Amino acid sequence: MVEVSWTIEPNRPASILRFTWQERGGPPVNPPVRQGFGTQLLNAVCSDVRLQYAVDGFRCDIAMPLGAIQHSPETLASG
């Protein structure tokens, strides 16, 4: 089972997106012996990434400032 959740914490000057990916009920988890492309990409893009390789399931927590991103209705429709 995979559980995905997120919240947005209002903050100044930028709100914080908190994203969690939690796996449970699968095969036992072992930490990787090397960093793959996905982990390298996460660490390059996000400044606050926590990866936990617990025996009962993998968990990834990401906190990311959202900044003052604004979209016009036209941008959202074409995006």
PDB file of N, CA and C in Angstrom:
ATOM      1  N   MET A   1       0.842  -1.167   0.000  1.00  0.00           N
ATOM      2  CA  MET A   1       0.000   0.000   0.000  1.00  0.00           C
ATOM      3  C   MET A   1       0.897   1.244   0.000  1.00  0.00           C
ATOM      4  N   VAL A   2       0.477   2.226  -0.763  1.00  0.00           N
ATOM      5  CA  VAL A   2       1.176   3.506  -0.802  1.00  0.00           C
ATOM      6  C   VAL A   2       0.201   4.585  -0.340  1.00  0.00           C
ATOM      7  N   GLU A   3       0.648   5.390   0.598  1.00  0.00           N
ATOM      8  CA  GLU A   3      -0.146   6.515   1.083  1.00  0.00           C
ATOM      9  C   GLU A   3       0.592   7.799   0.740  1.00  0.00           C
ATOM     10  N   VAL A   4      -0.092   8.701   0.045  1.00  0.00           N
ATOM     11  CA  VAL A   4       0.489   9.983  -0.350  1.00  0.00           C
ATOM     12  C   VAL A   4      -0.334  11.086   0.304  1.00  0.00           C
ATOM     13  N   SER A   5       0.345  12.027   0.928  1.00  0.00           N
ATOM     14  CA  SER A   5      -0.360  13.158   1.536  1.00  0.00           C
ATOM     15  C   SER A   5       0.483  14.413   1.397  1.00  0.00           C
ATOM     16  N   TRP A   6      -0.192  15.561   1.483  1.00  0.00           N
ATOM     17  CA  TRP A   6       0.512  16.824   1.429  1.00  0.00           C
ATOM     18  C   TRP A   6      -0.309  17.892   2.143  1.00  0.00           C
ATOM     19  N   THR A   7       0.396  18.891   2.609  1.00  0.00           N
ATOM     20  CA  THR A   7      -0.235  20.057   3.210  1.00  0.00           C
ATOM     21  C   THR A   7       0.532  21.286   2.746  1.00  0.00           C
ATOM     22  N   ILE A   8      -0.128  22.416   2.828  1.00  0.00           N
ATOM     23  CA  ILE A   8       0.527  23.691   2.542  1.00  0.00           C
ATOM     24  C   ILE A   8       0.446  24.519   3.808  1.00  0.00           C
ATOM     25  N   GLU A   9       1.612  24.908   4.303  1.00  0.00           N
ATOM     26  CA  GLU A   9       1.697  25.723   5.507  1.00  0.00           C
ATOM     27  C   GLU A   9       1.930  27.168   5.097  1.00  0.00           C
ATOM     28  N   PRO A  10       0.954  28.042   5.357  1.00  0.00           N
ATOM     29  CA  PRO A  10       1.164  29.449   5.028  1.00  0.00           C
ATOM     30  C   PRO A  10       2.314  30.013   5.857  1.00  0.00           C
ATOM     31  N   ASN A  11       3.165  30.755   5.223  1.00  0.00           N
ATOM     32  CA  ASN A  11       4.347  31.292   5.882  1.00  0.00           C
ATOM     33  C   ASN A  11       4.793  32.518   5.104  1.00  0.00           C
ATOM     34  N   ARG A  12       5.565  33.352   5.714  1.00  0.00           N
ATOM     35  CA  ARG A  12       6.119  34.499   5.004  1.00  0.00           C
ATOM     36  C   ARG A  12       7.607  34.346   4.884  1.00  0.00           C
ATOM     37  N   PRO A  13       8.224  34.616   3.795  1.00  0.00           N
ATOM     38  CA  PRO A  13       7.702  35.159   2.554  1.00  0.00           C
ATOM     39  C   PRO A  13       7.125  34.101   1.621  1.00  0.00           C
ATOM     40  N   ALA A  14       7.310  32.815   1.911  1.00  0.00           N
ATOM     41  CA  ALA A  14       6.807  31.766   1.021  1.00  0.00           C
ATOM     42  C   ALA A  14       6.112  30.681   1.827  1.00  0.00           C
ATOM     43  N   SER A  15       5.014  30.169   1.293  1.00  0.00           N
ATOM     44  CA  SER A  15       4.348  29.032   1.914  1.00  0.00           C
ATOM     45  C   SER A  15       5.203  27.790   1.715  1.00  0.00           C
ATOM     46  N   ILE A  16       4.988  26.781   2.558  1.00  0.00           N
ATOM     47  CA  ILE A  16       5.770  25.548   2.492  1.00  0.00           C
ATOM     48  C   ILE A  16       4.847  24.393   2.107  1.00  0.00           C
ATOM     49  N   LEU A  17       5.221  23.672   1.068  1.00  0.00           N
ATOM     50  CA  LEU A  17       4.542  22.443   0.696  1.00  0.00           C
ATOM     51  C   LEU A  17       5.230  21.299   1.420  1.00  0.00           C
ATOM     52  N   ARG A  18       4.480  20.519   2.176  1.00  0.00           N
ATOM     53  CA  ARG A  18       5.007  19.324   2.845  1.00  0.00           C
ATOM     54  C   ARG A  18       4.349  18.111   2.209  1.00  0.00           C
ATOM     55  N   PHE A  19       5.167  17.265   1.594  1.00  0.00           N
ATOM     56  CA  PHE A  19       4.715  16.100   0.833  1.00  0.00           C
ATOM     57  C   PHE A  19       5.273  14.841   1.485  1.00  0.00           C
ATOM     58  N   THR A  20       4.425  13.825   1.652  1.00  0.00           N
ATOM     59  CA  THR A  20       4.863  12.547   2.238  1.00  0.00           C
ATOM     60  C   THR A  20       4.422  11.389   1.349  1.00  0.00           C
ATOM     61  N   TRP A  21       5.348  10.467   1.121  1.00  0.00           N
ATOM     62  CA  TRP A  21       5.096   9.214   0.405  1.00  0.00           C
ATOM     63  C   TRP A  21       5.454   8.099   1.380  1.00  0.00           C
ATOM     64  N   GLN A  22       4.486   7.266   1.743  1.00  0.00           N
ATOM     65  CA  GLN A  22       4.712   6.189   2.719  1.00  0.00           C
ATOM     66  C   GLN A  22       4.271   4.864   2.114  1.00  0.00           C
ATOM     67  N   GLU A  23       5.193   3.902   2.075  1.00  0.00           N
ATOM     68  CA  GLU A  23       4.878   2.552   1.596  1.00  0.00           C
ATOM     69  C   GLU A  23       4.769   1.617   2.791  1.00  0.00           C
ATOM     70  N   ARG A  24       3.786   0.701   2.742  1.00  0.00           N
ATOM     71  CA  ARG A  24       3.605  -0.296   3.805  1.00  0.00           C
ATOM     72  C   ARG A  24       3.090  -1.597   3.200  1.00  0.00           C
ATOM     73  N   GLY A  25       3.399  -2.697   3.879  1.00  0.00           N
ATOM     74  CA  GLY A  25       2.838  -3.983   3.481  1.00  0.00           C
ATOM     75  C   GLY A  25       3.533  -4.667   2.324  1.00  0.00           C
ATOM     76  N   GLY A  26       4.636  -4.133   1.867  1.00  0.00           N
ATOM     77  CA  GLY A  26       5.376  -4.750   0.769  1.00  0.00           C
ATOM     78  C   GLY A  26       6.510  -5.601   1.307  1.00  0.00           C
ATOM     79  N   PRO A  27       7.415  -5.973   0.445  1.00  0.00           N
ATOM     80  CA  PRO A  27       8.573  -6.745   0.896  1.00  0.00           C
ATOM     81  C   PRO A  27       9.459  -5.908   1.814  1.00  0.00           C
ATOM     82  N   PRO A  28      10.308  -6.547   2.612  1.00  0.00           N
ATOM     83  CA  PRO A  28      11.215  -5.788   3.484  1.00  0.00           C
ATOM     84  C   PRO A  28      12.078  -4.817   2.662  1.00  0.00           C
ATOM     85  N   VAL A  29      12.356  -3.667   3.258  1.00  0.00           N
ATOM     86  CA  VAL A  29      13.101  -2.605   2.574  1.00  0.00           C
ATOM     87  C   VAL A  29      14.531  -2.574   3.092  1.00  0.00           C
ATOM     88  N   ASN A  30      15.465  -2.422   2.164  1.00  0.00           N
ATOM     89  CA  ASN A  30      16.878  -2.244   2.517  1.00  0.00           C
ATOM     90  C   ASN A  30      17.360  -0.932   1.927  1.00  0.00           C
ATOM     91  N   PRO A  31      18.195  -0.188   2.641  1.00  0.00           N
ATOM     92  CA  PRO A  31      18.749   1.037   2.060  1.00  0.00           C
ATOM     93  C   PRO A  31      19.556   0.710   0.803  1.00  0.00           C
ATOM     94  N   PRO A  32      19.501   1.594  -0.202  1.00  0.00           N
ATOM     95  CA  PRO A  32      20.259   1.333  -1.429  1.00  0.00           C
ATOM     96  C   PRO A  32      21.765   1.442  -1.169  1.00  0.00           C
ATOM     97  N   VAL A  33      22.547   0.794  -2.020  1.00  0.00           N
ATOM     98  CA  VAL A  33      24.002   0.865  -1.891  1.00  0.00           C
ATOM     99  C   VAL A  33      24.572   2.073  -2.641  1.00  0.00           C
ATOM    100  N   ARG A  34      23.759   2.685  -3.516  1.00  0.00           N
ATOM    101  CA  ARG A  34      24.182   3.892  -4.228  1.00  0.00           C
ATOM    102  C   ARG A  34      22.968   4.779  -4.438  1.00  0.00           C
ATOM    103  N   GLN A  35      23.230   6.054  -4.747  1.00  0.00           N
ATOM    104  CA  GLN A  35      22.145   6.978  -5.057  1.00  0.00           C
ATOM    105  C   GLN A  35      21.797   6.884  -6.524  1.00  0.00           C
ATOM    106  N   GLY A  36      20.533   6.613  -6.817  1.00  0.00           N
ATOM    107  CA  GLY A  36      20.075   6.564  -8.195  1.00  0.00           C
ATOM    108  C   GLY A  36      19.711   7.949  -8.709  1.00  0.00           C
ATOM    109  N   PHE A  37      19.292   8.003  -9.969  1.00  0.00           N
ATOM    110  CA  PHE A  37      18.957   9.274 -10.605  1.00  0.00           C
ATOM    111  C   PHE A  37      17.810   9.976  -9.871  1.00  0.00           C
ATOM    112  N   GLY A  38      16.773   9.236  -9.467  1.00  0.00           N
ATOM    113  CA  GLY A  38      15.627   9.838  -8.786  1.00  0.00           C
ATOM    114  C   GLY A  38      16.027  10.523  -7.492  1.00  0.00           C
ATOM    115  N   THR A  39      16.861   9.874  -6.700  1.00  0.00           N
ATOM    116  CA  THR A  39      17.320  10.462  -5.438  1.00  0.00           C
ATOM    117  C   THR A  39      18.187  11.686  -5.700  1.00  0.00           C
ATOM    118  N   GLN A  40      19.062  11.601  -6.681  1.00  0.00           N
ATOM    119  CA  GLN A  40      19.904  12.749  -7.024  1.00  0.00           C
ATOM    120  C   GLN A  40      19.058  13.929  -7.492  1.00  0.00           C
ATOM    121  N   LEU A  41      18.027  13.652  -8.283  1.00  0.00           N
ATOM    122  CA  LEU A  41      17.147  14.710  -8.776  1.00  0.00           C
ATOM    123  C   LEU A  41      16.378  15.355  -7.618  1.00  0.00           C
ATOM    124  N   LEU A  42      15.816  14.541  -6.734  1.00  0.00           N
ATOM    125  CA  LEU A  42      15.111  15.079  -5.560  1.00  0.00           C
ATOM    126  C   LEU A  42      16.008  15.990  -4.735  1.00  0.00           C
ATOM    127  N   ASN A  43      17.218  15.537  -4.466  1.00  0.00           N
ATOM    128  CA  ASN A  43      18.148  16.331  -3.658  1.00  0.00           C
ATOM    129  C   ASN A  43      18.602  17.604  -4.366  1.00  0.00           C
ATOM    130  N   ALA A  44      18.652  17.584  -5.687  1.00  0.00           N
ATOM    131  CA  ALA A  44      19.054  18.773  -6.436  1.00  0.00           C
ATOM    132  C   ALA A  44      17.936  19.813  -6.491  1.00  0.00           C
ATOM    133  N   VAL A  45      16.703  19.350  -6.571  1.00  0.00           N
ATOM    134  CA  VAL A  45      15.565  20.256  -6.725  1.00  0.00           C
ATOM    135  C   VAL A  45      15.008  20.719  -5.378  1.00  0.00           C
ATOM    136  N   CYS A  46      15.016  19.837  -4.403  1.00  0.00           N
ATOM    137  CA  CYS A  46      14.412  20.131  -3.100  1.00  0.00           C
ATOM    138  C   CYS A  46      15.499  20.218  -2.032  1.00  0.00           C
ATOM    139  N   SER A  47      15.446  21.258  -1.240  1.00  0.00           N
ATOM    140  CA  SER A  47      16.485  21.445  -0.224  1.00  0.00           C
ATOM    141  C   SER A  47      16.238  20.624   1.034  1.00  0.00           C
ATOM    142  N   ASP A  48      15.002  20.171   1.251  1.00  0.00           N
ATOM    143  CA  ASP A  48      14.678  19.426   2.470  1.00  0.00           C
ATOM    144  C   ASP A  48      14.001  18.106   2.113  1.00  0.00           C
ATOM    145  N   VAL A  49      14.803  17.058   1.922  1.00  0.00           N
ATOM    146  CA  VAL A  49      14.301  15.727   1.580  1.00  0.00           C
ATOM    147  C   VAL A  49      14.786  14.743   2.637  1.00  0.00           C
ATOM    148  N   ARG A  50      13.862  13.959   3.173  1.00  0.00           N
ATOM    149  CA  ARG A  50      14.232  12.915   4.138  1.00  0.00           C
ATOM    150  C   ARG A  50      13.741  11.576   3.616  1.00  0.00           C
ATOM    151  N   LEU A  51      14.665  10.641   3.444  1.00  0.00           N
ATOM    152  CA  LEU A  51      14.344   9.298   2.982  1.00  0.00           C
ATOM    153  C   LEU A  51      14.602   8.323   4.124  1.00  0.00           C
ATOM    154  N   GLN A  52      13.606   7.496   4.432  1.00  0.00           N
ATOM    155  CA  GLN A  52      13.738   6.520   5.509  1.00  0.00           C
ATOM    156  C   GLN A  52      13.473   5.127   4.940  1.00  0.00           C
ATOM    157  N   TYR A  53      14.429   4.244   5.137  1.00  0.00           N
ATOM    158  CA  TYR A  53      14.330   2.880   4.628  1.00  0.00           C
ATOM    159  C   TYR A  53      14.055   1.935   5.795  1.00  0.00           C
ATOM    160  N   ALA A  54      12.882   2.072   6.414  1.00  0.00           N
ATOM    161  CA  ALA A  54      12.508   1.201   7.530  1.00  0.00           C
ATOM    162  C   ALA A  54      12.172  -0.183   6.978  1.00  0.00           C
ATOM    163  N   VAL A  55      12.387  -1.206   7.768  1.00  0.00           N
ATOM    164  CA  VAL A  55      12.131  -2.581   7.335  1.00  0.00           C
ATOM    165  C   VAL A  55      10.684  -2.765   6.889  1.00  0.00           C
ATOM    166  N   ASP A  56       9.746  -2.082   7.556  1.00  0.00           N
ATOM    167  CA  ASP A  56       8.324  -2.264   7.236  1.00  0.00           C
ATOM    168  C   ASP A  56       7.833  -1.373   6.100  1.00  0.00           C
ATOM    169  N   GLY A  57       8.699  -0.506   5.539  1.00  0.00           N
ATOM    170  CA  GLY A  57       8.282   0.306   4.405  1.00  0.00           C
ATOM    171  C   GLY A  57       9.106   1.568   4.231  1.00  0.00           C
ATOM    172  N   PHE A  58       9.201   1.993   3.003  1.00  0.00           N
ATOM    173  CA  PHE A  58       9.948   3.197   2.635  1.00  0.00           C
ATOM    174  C   PHE A  58       9.094   4.424   2.900  1.00  0.00           C
ATOM    175  N   ARG A  59       9.729   5.540   3.310  1.00  0.00           N
ATOM    176  CA  ARG A  59       9.050   6.809   3.526  1.00  0.00           C
ATOM    177  C   ARG A  59       9.906   7.942   2.983  1.00  0.00           C
ATOM    178  N   CYS A  60       9.257   8.874   2.295  1.00  0.00           N
ATOM    179  CA  CYS A  60       9.916  10.059   1.764  1.00  0.00           C
ATOM    180  C   CYS A  60       9.136  11.286   2.228  1.00  0.00           C
ATOM    181  N   ASP A  61       9.821  12.209   2.887  1.00  0.00           N
ATOM    182  CA  ASP A  61       9.240  13.477   3.317  1.00  0.00           C
ATOM    183  C   ASP A  61       9.967  14.601   2.604  1.00  0.00           C
ATOM    184  N   ILE A  62       9.206  15.494   1.979  1.00  0.00           N
ATOM    185  CA  ILE A  62       9.779  16.619   1.252  1.00  0.00           C
ATOM    186  C   ILE A  62       9.110  17.896   1.746  1.00  0.00           C
ATOM    187  N   ALA A  63       9.910  18.909   2.033  1.00  0.00           N
ATOM    188  CA  ALA A  63       9.394  20.241   2.347  1.00  0.00           C
ATOM    189  C   ALA A  63       9.981  21.194   1.311  1.00  0.00           C
ATOM    190  N   MET A  64       9.104  21.985   0.695  1.00  0.00           N
ATOM    191  CA  MET A  64       9.557  22.850  -0.391  1.00  0.00           C
ATOM    192  C   MET A  64       8.855  24.203  -0.303  1.00  0.00           C
ATOM    193  N   PRO A  65       9.620  25.296  -0.311  1.00  0.00           N
ATOM    194  CA  PRO A  65       8.976  26.611  -0.341  1.00  0.00           C
ATOM    195  C   PRO A  65       8.288  26.822  -1.691  1.00  0.00           C
ATOM    196  N   LEU A  66       7.078  27.359  -1.648  1.00  0.00           N
ATOM    197  CA  LEU A  66       6.322  27.564  -2.880  1.00  0.00           C
ATOM    198  C   LEU A  66       6.604  28.916  -3.509  1.00  0.00           C
ATOM    199  N   GLY A  67       7.025  29.894  -2.740  1.00  0.00           N
ATOM    200  CA  GLY A  67       7.329  31.200  -3.289  1.00  0.00           C
ATOM    201  C   GLY A  67       6.082  31.943  -3.702  1.00  0.00           C
ATOM    202  N   ALA A  68       6.280  32.970  -4.438  1.00  0.00           N
ATOM    203  CA  ALA A  68       5.176  33.826  -4.875  1.00  0.00           C
ATOM    204  C   ALA A  68       4.831  33.519  -6.323  1.00  0.00           C
ATOM    205  N   ILE A  69       4.575  32.267  -6.611  1.00  0.00           N
ATOM    206  CA  ILE A  69       4.236  31.855  -7.974  1.00  0.00           C
ATOM    207  C   ILE A  69       2.782  32.230  -8.237  1.00  0.00           C
ATOM    208  N   GLN A  70       2.554  32.928  -9.334  1.00  0.00           N
ATOM    209  CA  GLN A  70       1.199  33.307  -9.702  1.00  0.00           C
ATOM    210  C   GLN A  70       0.962  32.876 -11.133  1.00  0.00           C
ATOM    211  N   HIS A  71      -0.228  32.332 -11.373  1.00  0.00           N
ATOM    212  CA  HIS A  71      -0.595  31.891 -12.703  1.00  0.00           C
ATOM    213  C   HIS A  71      -1.847  32.624 -13.156  1.00  0.00           C
ATOM    214  N   SER A  72      -1.847  33.024 -14.409  1.00  0.00           N
ATOM    215  CA  SER A  72      -3.058  33.604 -14.976  1.00  0.00           C
ATOM    216  C   SER A  72      -3.972  32.457 -15.401  1.00  0.00           C
ATOM    217  N   PRO A  73      -5.268  32.697 -15.567  1.00  0.00           N
ATOM    218  CA  PRO A  73      -6.175  31.631 -16.031  1.00  0.00           C
ATOM    219  C   PRO A  73      -5.721  31.027 -17.352  1.00  0.00           C
ATOM    220  N   GLU A  74      -5.118  31.856 -18.258  1.00  0.00           N
ATOM    221  CA  GLU A  74      -4.652  31.345 -19.533  1.00  0.00           C
ATOM    222  C   GLU A  74      -3.506  30.354 -19.343  1.00  0.00           C
ATOM    223  N   THR A  75      -2.592  30.634 -18.422  1.00  0.00           N
ATOM    224  CA  THR A  75      -1.460  29.743 -18.158  1.00  0.00           C
ATOM    225  C   THR A  75      -1.956  28.408 -17.630  1.00  0.00           C
ATOM    226  N   LEU A  76      -2.912  28.447 -16.699  1.00  0.00           N
ATOM    227  CA  LEU A  76      -3.431  27.207 -16.114  1.00  0.00           C
ATOM    228  C   LEU A  76      -4.168  26.383 -17.162  1.00  0.00           C
ATOM    229  N   ALA A  77      -4.893  27.024 -18.062  1.00  0.00           N
ATOM    230  CA  ALA A  77      -5.647  26.303 -19.084  1.00  0.00           C
ATOM    231  C   ALA A  77      -4.732  25.637 -20.097  1.00  0.00           C
ATOM    232  N   SER A  78      -3.595  26.266 -20.410  1.00  0.00           N
ATOM    233  CA  SER A  78      -2.689  25.701 -21.413  1.00  0.00           C
ATOM    234  C   SER A  78      -1.656  24.767 -20.825  1.00  0.00           C
ATOM    235  N   GLY A  79      -1.495  24.775 -19.485  1.00  0.00           N
ATOM    236  CA  GLY A  79      -0.443  24.045 -18.819  1.00  0.00           C
ATOM    237  C   GLY A  79      -0.602  22.603 -18.805  1.00  0.00           C
TER     238      GLY A  79
END
